[in-house]
Amino acid sequence: MNKQSTNRIHLKTAAICLGLLAGLAGPTASAQSTPSAKATFAYTSLTVLPPCNSTDAAGCDGKGSDGWTSILKQQLKTANQKDLFVNASLQCGIVTDTTVKSVNGSLDTAEARATIRVKVKITSPTGVVSYAQPATGSDAMNAVGDGIVFCDRSQTLKAKFSGLNCKADAYGTVTCADPEELQLILKTLNANAFNFVAPAMGSGVNTIEVLARSSASGSATGTNGSLGSANAFVGAGSVAVEEVRMIKGNTGETISF
């Protein structure tokens, strides 16, 4: 065999080896299209949430929706049996408007309440949906509901105007035995940031979403036209997601001493 033939054989062998290596590297490169990382971050600006009333059987704003809106979304590739530590932070605002109209000593009342709740949804690489813990929490009235309360305000205004049992003396001075009454009651609960934990995640790319839901209601009692209304909204927000390994057996419950 001459030298030229030997060089051709070597070139063919090298080409075959390169082809095999390229074939092996193809799936690996595809699997690594989403880089492995230990943390990720996302932020957003003012977000519009559909108005919801828990007593509305037709759903939020009559659209049949449960009101949960995705406001922040990010992906993170995790190793098997690792935990996710999620810190969600956002601005939330509440507007409550109460007007009372009382005459002849009648007691009129106006109430307004608005709430923003938040929870963290996680979709696994196989499409299985779960929620980071805690997924439920108490509101300002100590009622447990879906999601964690980020802001909650209940406002009650009561009025009893036009003094009762009034008498005028000989000089025209009027005195009333029962004075007029005005009472304002505010109940609030706020958490502008909260930490969530999703334990024992499977390997692969997980999608993390921060969901928010607003609810607002108003009512009035009396016969003089008192009014109550409320609204809640979400401003700028951010979420930081970190892959961690929690202490073995840590369920997230508070340790009793």
C-alpha atoms as a PDB file:
ATOM      1  CA  MET A   1       0.000   0.000   0.000  1.00  0.00           C
ATOM      2  CA  ASN A   2       1.451   3.356  -1.018  1.00  0.00           C
ATOM      3  CA  LYS A   3       1.623   6.470   1.111  1.00  0.00           C
ATOM      4  CA  GLN A   4      -1.255   8.218  -0.750  1.00  0.00           C
ATOM      5  CA  SER A   5      -3.657   5.319  -0.075  1.00  0.00           C
ATOM      6  CA  THR A   6      -2.695   5.299   3.588  1.00  0.00           C
ATOM      7  CA  ASN A   7      -3.507   9.039   3.901  1.00  0.00           C
ATOM      8  CA  ARG A   8      -6.939   8.494   2.305  1.00  0.00           C
ATOM      9  CA  ILE A   9      -7.771   5.757   4.829  1.00  0.00           C
ATOM     10  CA  HIS A  10      -6.726   8.013   7.702  1.00  0.00           C
ATOM     11  CA  LEU A  11      -8.913  10.865   6.394  1.00  0.00           C
ATOM     12  CA  LYS A  12     -11.970   8.582   6.030  1.00  0.00           C
ATOM     13  CA  THR A  13     -11.472   7.231   9.553  1.00  0.00           C
ATOM     14  CA  ALA A  14     -11.253  10.755  10.970  1.00  0.00           C
ATOM     15  CA  ALA A  15     -14.445  11.785   9.127  1.00  0.00           C
ATOM     16  CA  ILE A  16     -16.354   8.786  10.528  1.00  0.00           C
ATOM     17  CA  CYS A  17     -15.165   9.552  14.080  1.00  0.00           C
ATOM     18  CA  LEU A  18     -16.209  13.193  13.762  1.00  0.00           C
ATOM     19  CA  GLY A  19     -19.647  12.131  12.507  1.00  0.00           C
ATOM     20  CA  LEU A  20     -20.140   9.799  15.464  1.00  0.00           C
ATOM     21  CA  LEU A  21     -19.070  12.488  17.908  1.00  0.00           C
ATOM     22  CA  ALA A  22     -21.467  14.984  16.334  1.00  0.00           C
ATOM     23  CA  GLY A  23     -24.329  12.490  16.634  1.00  0.00           C
ATOM     24  CA  LEU A  24     -23.567  11.920  20.290  1.00  0.00           C
ATOM     25  CA  ALA A  25     -23.276  15.624  21.025  1.00  0.00           C
ATOM     26  CA  GLY A  26     -26.619  16.493  19.358  1.00  0.00           C
ATOM     27  CA  PRO A  27     -29.004  15.276  22.103  1.00  0.00           C
ATOM     28  CA  THR A  28     -26.712  16.617  24.827  1.00  0.00           C
ATOM     29  CA  ALA A  29     -26.688  20.095  23.316  1.00  0.00           C
ATOM     30  CA  SER A  30     -30.473  20.025  22.972  1.00  0.00           C
ATOM     31  CA  ALA A  31     -30.944  18.994  26.594  1.00  0.00           C
ATOM     32  CA  GLN A  32     -28.713  21.834  27.687  1.00  0.00           C
ATOM     33  CA  SER A  33     -30.587  24.531  25.750  1.00  0.00           C
ATOM     34  CA  THR A  34     -31.928  25.738  29.103  1.00  0.00           C
ATOM     35  CA  PRO A  35     -28.822  26.309  31.216  1.00  0.00           C
ATOM     36  CA  SER A  36     -28.568  24.822  34.693  1.00  0.00           C
ATOM     37  CA  ALA A  37     -28.479  27.509  37.366  1.00  0.00           C
ATOM     38  CA  LYS A  38     -28.985  27.960  41.081  1.00  0.00           C
ATOM     39  CA  ALA A  39     -31.230  31.035  40.968  1.00  0.00           C
ATOM     40  CA  THR A  40     -33.396  33.195  38.711  1.00  0.00           C
ATOM     41  CA  PHE A  41     -35.220  36.525  38.942  1.00  0.00           C
ATOM     42  CA  ALA A  42     -38.109  38.330  37.244  1.00  0.00           C
ATOM     43  CA  TYR A  43     -39.947  41.626  37.722  1.00  0.00           C
ATOM     44  CA  THR A  44     -42.997  43.435  36.376  1.00  0.00           C
ATOM     45  CA  SER A  45     -44.760  46.802  36.549  1.00  0.00           C
ATOM     46  CA  LEU A  46     -48.395  47.730  37.234  1.00  0.00           C
ATOM     47  CA  THR A  47     -50.690  44.748  36.667  1.00  0.00           C
ATOM     48  CA  VAL A  48     -54.434  44.852  36.047  1.00  0.00           C
ATOM     49  CA  LEU A  49     -56.409  42.183  37.902  1.00  0.00           C
ATOM     50  CA  PRO A  50     -60.038  41.308  37.133  1.00  0.00           C
ATOM     51  CA  PRO A  51     -62.413  42.588  39.839  1.00  0.00           C
ATOM     52  CA  CYS A  52     -63.755  39.731  41.916  1.00  0.00           C
ATOM     53  CA  ASN A  53     -66.508  39.401  44.457  1.00  0.00           C
ATOM     54  CA  SER A  54     -66.529  36.128  46.368  1.00  0.00           C
ATOM     55  CA  THR A  55     -70.331  36.244  46.476  1.00  0.00           C
ATOM     56  CA  ASP A  56     -70.606  36.514  42.683  1.00  0.00           C
ATOM     57  CA  ALA A  57     -71.702  33.091  41.478  1.00  0.00           C
ATOM     58  CA  ALA A  58     -70.914  34.060  37.880  1.00  0.00           C
ATOM     59  CA  GLY A  59     -67.223  34.498  38.715  1.00  0.00           C
ATOM     60  CA  CYS A  60     -64.940  37.496  38.557  1.00  0.00           C
ATOM     61  CA  ASP A  61     -66.486  40.388  36.677  1.00  0.00           C
ATOM     62  CA  GLY A  62     -69.144  37.987  35.383  1.00  0.00           C
ATOM     63  CA  LYS A  63     -66.607  36.195  33.150  1.00  0.00           C
ATOM     64  CA  GLY A  64     -66.623  32.831  34.898  1.00  0.00           C
ATOM     65  CA  SER A  65     -62.943  33.170  35.876  1.00  0.00           C
ATOM     66  CA  ASP A  66     -61.642  32.234  39.315  1.00  0.00           C
ATOM     67  CA  GLY A  67     -59.686  35.495  39.289  1.00  0.00           C
ATOM     68  CA  TRP A  68     -56.176  34.081  39.666  1.00  0.00           C
ATOM     69  CA  THR A  69     -53.884  35.966  37.269  1.00  0.00           C
ATOM     70  CA  SER A  70     -50.259  35.141  36.440  1.00  0.00           C
ATOM     71  CA  ILE A  71     -48.239  38.306  37.145  1.00  0.00           C
ATOM     72  CA  LEU A  72     -44.680  36.915  37.232  1.00  0.00           C
ATOM     73  CA  LYS A  73     -43.244  33.915  35.385  1.00  0.00           C
ATOM     74  CA  GLN A  74     -39.773  32.353  35.195  1.00  0.00           C
ATOM     75  CA  GLN A  75     -38.100  28.994  34.510  1.00  0.00           C
ATOM     76  CA  LEU A  76     -35.357  27.181  36.397  1.00  0.00           C
ATOM     77  CA  LYS A  77     -33.622  23.912  35.596  1.00  0.00           C
ATOM     78  CA  THR A  78     -33.252  21.882  38.788  1.00  0.00           C
ATOM     79  CA  ALA A  79     -31.510  18.707  39.851  1.00  0.00           C
ATOM     80  CA  ASN A  80     -33.460  15.766  41.241  1.00  0.00           C
ATOM     81  CA  GLN A  81     -34.787  16.051  44.813  1.00  0.00           C
ATOM     82  CA  LYS A  82     -33.742  19.678  45.192  1.00  0.00           C
ATOM     83  CA  ASP A  83     -36.016  22.279  46.807  1.00  0.00           C
ATOM     84  CA  LEU A  84     -37.095  25.659  45.482  1.00  0.00           C
ATOM     85  CA  PHE A  85     -37.036  28.738  47.696  1.00  0.00           C
ATOM     86  CA  VAL A  86     -39.297  31.438  46.223  1.00  0.00           C
ATOM     87  CA  ASN A  87     -39.401  35.032  47.449  1.00  0.00           C
ATOM     88  CA  ALA A  88     -42.308  37.013  45.986  1.00  0.00           C
ATOM     89  CA  SER A  89     -42.506  40.750  46.609  1.00  0.00           C
ATOM     90  CA  LEU A  90     -44.979  43.258  45.201  1.00  0.00           C
ATOM     91  CA  GLN A  91     -46.705  46.557  45.740  1.00  0.00           C
ATOM     92  CA  CYS A  92     -50.425  46.350  46.323  1.00  0.00           C
ATOM     93  CA  GLY A  93     -52.874  49.183  46.795  1.00  0.00           C
ATOM     94  CA  ILE A  94     -56.385  49.370  48.195  1.00  0.00           C
ATOM     95  CA  VAL A  95     -59.021  52.067  47.766  1.00  0.00           C
ATOM     96  CA  THR A  96     -61.981  52.046  50.176  1.00  0.00           C
ATOM     97  CA  ASP A  97     -64.757  54.637  49.928  1.00  0.00           C
ATOM     98  CA  THR A  98     -67.501  54.908  52.559  1.00  0.00           C
ATOM     99  CA  THR A  99     -70.179  57.612  52.675  1.00  0.00           C
ATOM    100  CA  VAL A 100     -72.908  57.798  55.322  1.00  0.00           C
ATOM    101  CA  LYS A 101     -76.031  59.950  55.290  1.00  0.00           C
ATOM    102  CA  SER A 102     -77.928  60.120  58.561  1.00  0.00           C
ATOM    103  CA  VAL A 103     -80.904  62.295  59.523  1.00  0.00           C
ATOM    104  CA  ASN A 104     -83.173  62.448  62.552  1.00  0.00           C
ATOM    105  CA  GLY A 105     -80.819  60.355  64.642  1.00  0.00           C
ATOM    106  CA  SER A 106     -80.946  57.258  62.435  1.00  0.00           C
ATOM    107  CA  LEU A 107     -77.913  54.943  62.463  1.00  0.00           C
ATOM    108  CA  ASP A 108     -76.509  54.526  58.969  1.00  0.00           C
ATOM    109  CA  THR A 109     -73.552  52.287  58.108  1.00  0.00           C
ATOM    110  CA  ALA A 110     -71.315  51.914  55.054  1.00  0.00           C
ATOM    111  CA  GLU A 111     -68.742  49.143  54.626  1.00  0.00           C
ATOM    112  CA  ALA A 112     -65.997  48.569  52.058  1.00  0.00           C
ATOM    113  CA  ARG A 113     -63.376  45.862  51.818  1.00  0.00           C
ATOM    114  CA  ALA A 114     -60.647  44.839  49.357  1.00  0.00           C
ATOM    115  CA  THR A 115     -58.013  42.103  49.401  1.00  0.00           C
ATOM    116  CA  ILE A 116     -55.032  40.903  47.351  1.00  0.00           C
ATOM    117  CA  ARG A 117     -54.014  37.250  47.721  1.00  0.00           C
ATOM    118  CA  VAL A 118     -50.905  35.596  46.244  1.00  0.00           C
ATOM    119  CA  LYS A 119     -49.778  32.019  45.626  1.00  0.00           C
ATOM    120  CA  VAL A 120     -46.952  30.353  43.681  1.00  0.00           C
ATOM    121  CA  LYS A 121     -47.751  27.832  40.950  1.00  0.00           C
ATOM    122  CA  ILE A 122     -45.106  25.367  39.753  1.00  0.00           C
ATOM    123  CA  THR A 123     -45.402  23.333  36.560  1.00  0.00           C
ATOM    124  CA  SER A 124     -43.025  20.372  36.313  1.00  0.00           C
ATOM    125  CA  PRO A 125     -41.311  19.222  33.082  1.00  0.00           C
ATOM    126  CA  THR A 126     -44.092  16.623  32.702  1.00  0.00           C
ATOM    127  CA  GLY A 127     -46.855  19.226  33.080  1.00  0.00           C
ATOM    128  CA  VAL A 128     -47.851  18.336  36.648  1.00  0.00           C
ATOM    129  CA  VAL A 129     -49.053  21.423  38.556  1.00  0.00           C
ATOM    130  CA  SER A 130     -48.329  21.977  42.246  1.00  0.00           C
ATOM    131  CA  TYR A 131     -48.264  24.968  44.579  1.00  0.00           C
ATOM    132  CA  ALA A 132     -45.420  26.119  46.802  1.00  0.00           C
ATOM    133  CA  GLN A 133     -46.106  26.186  50.517  1.00  0.00           C
ATOM    134  CA  PRO A 134     -47.839  27.840  52.208  1.00  0.00           C
ATOM    135  CA  ALA A 135     -50.700  27.831  49.712  1.00  0.00           C
ATOM    136  CA  THR A 136     -53.390  29.081  52.123  1.00  0.00           C
ATOM    137  CA  GLY A 137     -53.531  31.762  54.802  1.00  0.00           C
ATOM    138  CA  SER A 138     -55.777  33.789  57.095  1.00  0.00           C
ATOM    139  CA  ASP A 139     -57.101  37.252  56.294  1.00  0.00           C
ATOM    140  CA  ALA A 140     -57.763  40.245  58.565  1.00  0.00           C
ATOM    141  CA  MET A 141     -60.976  38.591  59.758  1.00  0.00           C
ATOM    142  CA  ASN A 142     -59.079  35.389  60.624  1.00  0.00           C
ATOM    143  CA  ALA A 143     -60.789  33.496  57.810  1.00  0.00           C
ATOM    144  CA  VAL A 144     -58.615  30.947  55.983  1.00  0.00           C
ATOM    145  CA  GLY A 145     -58.628  31.124  52.189  1.00  0.00           C
ATOM    146  CA  ASP A 146     -56.692  30.177  49.075  1.00  0.00           C
ATOM    147  CA  GLY A 147     -53.359  31.997  48.799  1.00  0.00           C
ATOM    148  CA  ILE A 148     -51.446  34.281  51.169  1.00  0.00           C
ATOM    149  CA  VAL A 149     -52.906  37.710  51.945  1.00  0.00           C
ATOM    150  CA  PHE A 150     -50.568  40.477  50.743  1.00  0.00           C
ATOM    151  CA  CYS A 151     -52.958  43.294  51.624  1.00  0.00           C
ATOM    152  CA  ASP A 152     -56.399  43.352  53.190  1.00  0.00           C
ATOM    153  CA  ARG A 153     -58.438  46.295  54.430  1.00  0.00           C
ATOM    154  CA  SER A 154     -61.910  46.353  55.931  1.00  0.00           C
ATOM    155  CA  GLN A 155     -63.413  49.813  56.506  1.00  0.00           C
ATOM    156  CA  THR A 156     -66.661  50.503  58.354  1.00  0.00           C
ATOM    157  CA  LEU A 157     -68.180  53.951  58.849  1.00  0.00           C
ATOM    158  CA  LYS A 158     -71.171  54.477  61.148  1.00  0.00           C
ATOM    159  CA  ALA A 159     -73.034  57.720  61.774  1.00  0.00           C
ATOM    160  CA  LYS A 160     -75.977  58.926  63.825  1.00  0.00           C
ATOM    161  CA  PHE A 161     -76.569  62.594  63.081  1.00  0.00           C
ATOM    162  CA  SER A 162     -79.100  65.178  64.339  1.00  0.00           C
ATOM    163  CA  GLY A 163     -78.874  65.197  68.127  1.00  0.00           C
ATOM    164  CA  LEU A 164     -81.721  63.570  70.037  1.00  0.00           C
ATOM    165  CA  ASN A 165     -83.734  64.783  73.032  1.00  0.00           C
ATOM    166  CA  CYS A 166     -82.904  68.399  72.267  1.00  0.00           C
ATOM    167  CA  LYS A 167     -84.366  71.312  74.226  1.00  0.00           C
ATOM    168  CA  ALA A 168     -84.154  75.068  73.809  1.00  0.00           C
ATOM    169  CA  ASP A 169     -84.081  77.341  76.833  1.00  0.00           C
ATOM    170  CA  ALA A 170     -85.640  80.788  77.114  1.00  0.00           C
ATOM    171  CA  TYR A 171     -82.635  82.343  75.424  1.00  0.00           C
ATOM    172  CA  GLY A 172     -82.773  80.032  72.407  1.00  0.00           C
ATOM    173  CA  THR A 173     -79.803  77.865  73.402  1.00  0.00           C
ATOM    174  CA  VAL A 174     -80.301  74.283  72.209  1.00  0.00           C
ATOM    175  CA  THR A 175     -78.922  71.376  74.220  1.00  0.00           C
ATOM    176  CA  CYS A 176     -79.217  67.697  73.306  1.00  0.00           C
ATOM    177  CA  ALA A 177     -79.126  64.876  75.838  1.00  0.00           C
ATOM    178  CA  ASP A 178     -77.940  62.362  73.227  1.00  0.00           C
ATOM    179  CA  PRO A 179     -75.024  63.654  71.093  1.00  0.00           C
ATOM    180  CA  GLU A 180     -74.392  62.843  67.445  1.00  0.00           C
ATOM    181  CA  GLU A 181     -72.182  59.836  66.763  1.00  0.00           C
ATOM    182  CA  LEU A 182     -69.531  59.072  64.143  1.00  0.00           C
ATOM    183  CA  GLN A 183     -67.487  55.862  64.223  1.00  0.00           C
ATOM    184  CA  LEU A 184     -64.734  54.719  61.827  1.00  0.00           C
ATOM    185  CA  ILE A 185     -63.379  51.166  62.050  1.00  0.00           C
ATOM    186  CA  LEU A 186     -60.347  50.027  60.031  1.00  0.00           C
ATOM    187  CA  LYS A 187     -58.926  46.510  59.967  1.00  0.00           C
ATOM    188  CA  THR A 188     -55.780  45.846  57.935  1.00  0.00           C
ATOM    189  CA  LEU A 189     -53.339  43.031  57.226  1.00  0.00           C
ATOM    190  CA  ASN A 190     -50.251  43.453  55.037  1.00  0.00           C
ATOM    191  CA  ALA A 191     -47.288  41.411  53.799  1.00  0.00           C
ATOM    192  CA  ASN A 192     -45.391  43.119  50.985  1.00  0.00           C
ATOM    193  CA  ALA A 193     -43.087  40.103  50.626  1.00  0.00           C
ATOM    194  CA  PHE A 194     -43.380  36.432  51.482  1.00  0.00           C
ATOM    195  CA  ASN A 195     -41.195  33.330  51.232  1.00  0.00           C
ATOM    196  CA  PHE A 196     -42.554  30.121  49.700  1.00  0.00           C
ATOM    197  CA  VAL A 197     -40.969  26.659  49.556  1.00  0.00           C
ATOM    198  CA  ALA A 198     -41.492  23.851  47.033  1.00  0.00           C
ATOM    199  CA  PRO A 199     -39.816  20.673  48.355  1.00  0.00           C
ATOM    200  CA  ALA A 200     -38.378  17.656  46.517  1.00  0.00           C
ATOM    201  CA  MET A 201     -38.577  18.899  42.938  1.00  0.00           C
ATOM    202  CA  GLY A 202     -37.926  16.534  40.042  1.00  0.00           C
ATOM    203  CA  SER A 203     -35.061  17.088  37.635  1.00  0.00           C
ATOM    204  CA  GLY A 204     -35.628  19.231  34.566  1.00  0.00           C
ATOM    205  CA  VAL A 205     -36.986  22.660  33.699  1.00  0.00           C
ATOM    206  CA  ASN A 206     -39.682  23.832  36.129  1.00  0.00           C
ATOM    207  CA  THR A 207     -41.913  26.826  35.395  1.00  0.00           C
ATOM    208  CA  ILE A 208     -42.586  29.083  38.375  1.00  0.00           C
ATOM    209  CA  GLU A 209     -45.518  31.516  38.296  1.00  0.00           C
ATOM    210  CA  VAL A 210     -46.657  34.047  40.875  1.00  0.00           C
ATOM    211  CA  LEU A 211     -50.457  34.279  40.809  1.00  0.00           C
ATOM    212  CA  ALA A 212     -52.475  37.134  42.311  1.00  0.00           C
ATOM    213  CA  ARG A 213     -56.193  37.582  42.929  1.00  0.00           C
ATOM    214  CA  SER A 214     -58.105  40.685  43.977  1.00  0.00           C
ATOM    215  CA  SER A 215     -61.485  40.845  45.652  1.00  0.00           C
ATOM    216  CA  ALA A 216     -63.556  43.899  46.516  1.00  0.00           C
ATOM    217  CA  SER A 217     -66.999  44.467  47.991  1.00  0.00           C
ATOM    218  CA  GLY A 218     -69.119  47.265  49.418  1.00  0.00           C
ATOM    219  CA  SER A 219     -72.390  47.480  51.342  1.00  0.00           C
ATOM    220  CA  ALA A 220     -74.559  49.975  53.195  1.00  0.00           C
ATOM    221  CA  THR A 221     -77.408  49.893  55.712  1.00  0.00           C
ATOM    222  CA  GLY A 222     -79.955  52.580  56.444  1.00  0.00           C
ATOM    223  CA  THR A 223     -82.563  54.445  54.432  1.00  0.00           C
ATOM    224  CA  ASN A 224     -80.726  57.660  53.611  1.00  0.00           C
ATOM    225  CA  GLY A 225     -78.514  56.603  50.706  1.00  0.00           C
ATOM    226  CA  SER A 226     -75.226  55.601  52.344  1.00  0.00           C
ATOM    227  CA  LEU A 227     -72.624  54.123  49.988  1.00  0.00           C
ATOM    228  CA  GLY A 228     -69.660  51.751  50.229  1.00  0.00           C
ATOM    229  CA  SER A 229     -67.207  50.725  47.491  1.00  0.00           C
ATOM    230  CA  ALA A 230     -63.662  49.369  47.201  1.00  0.00           C
ATOM    231  CA  ASN A 231     -60.946  48.430  44.723  1.00  0.00           C
ATOM    232  CA  ALA A 232     -57.575  46.662  44.898  1.00  0.00           C
ATOM    233  CA  PHE A 233     -54.644  46.731  42.484  1.00  0.00           C
ATOM    234  CA  VAL A 234     -51.072  45.454  42.125  1.00  0.00           C
ATOM    235  CA  GLY A 235     -48.103  47.697  41.315  1.00  0.00           C
ATOM    236  CA  ALA A 236     -44.490  46.716  40.643  1.00  0.00           C
ATOM    237  CA  GLY A 237     -43.441  43.242  41.734  1.00  0.00           C
ATOM    238  CA  SER A 238     -40.522  40.844  41.657  1.00  0.00           C
ATOM    239  CA  VAL A 239     -39.797  37.185  42.303  1.00  0.00           C
ATOM    240  CA  ALA A 240     -36.494  35.519  43.144  1.00  0.00           C
ATOM    241  CA  VAL A 241     -36.237  31.730  42.830  1.00  0.00           C
ATOM    242  CA  GLU A 242     -33.335  29.757  44.276  1.00  0.00           C
ATOM    243  CA  GLU A 243     -32.502  26.068  44.182  1.00  0.00           C
ATOM    244  CA  VAL A 244     -31.589  24.898  47.696  1.00  0.00           C
ATOM    245  CA  ARG A 245     -31.406  21.770  49.809  1.00  0.00           C
ATOM    246  CA  MET A 246     -33.568  22.146  52.899  1.00  0.00           C
ATOM    247  CA  ILE A 247     -32.841  20.428  56.221  1.00  0.00           C
ATOM    248  CA  LYS A 248     -34.017  16.820  56.041  1.00  0.00           C
ATOM    249  CA  GLY A 249     -37.480  16.414  57.517  1.00  0.00           C
ATOM    250  CA  ASN A 250     -38.208  20.155  57.447  1.00  0.00           C
ATOM    251  CA  THR A 251     -41.951  20.447  56.769  1.00  0.00           C
ATOM    252  CA  GLY A 252     -42.075  24.223  57.098  1.00  0.00           C
ATOM    253  CA  GLU A 253     -44.047  24.089  60.334  1.00  0.00           C
ATOM    254  CA  THR A 254     -42.996  26.292  63.243  1.00  0.00           C
ATOM    255  CA  ILE A 255     -40.994  24.471  65.903  1.00  0.00           C
ATOM    256  CA  SER A 256     -42.652  24.449  69.329  1.00  0.00           C
ATOM    257  CA  PHE A 257     -40.435  25.145  72.346  1.00  0.00           C
END
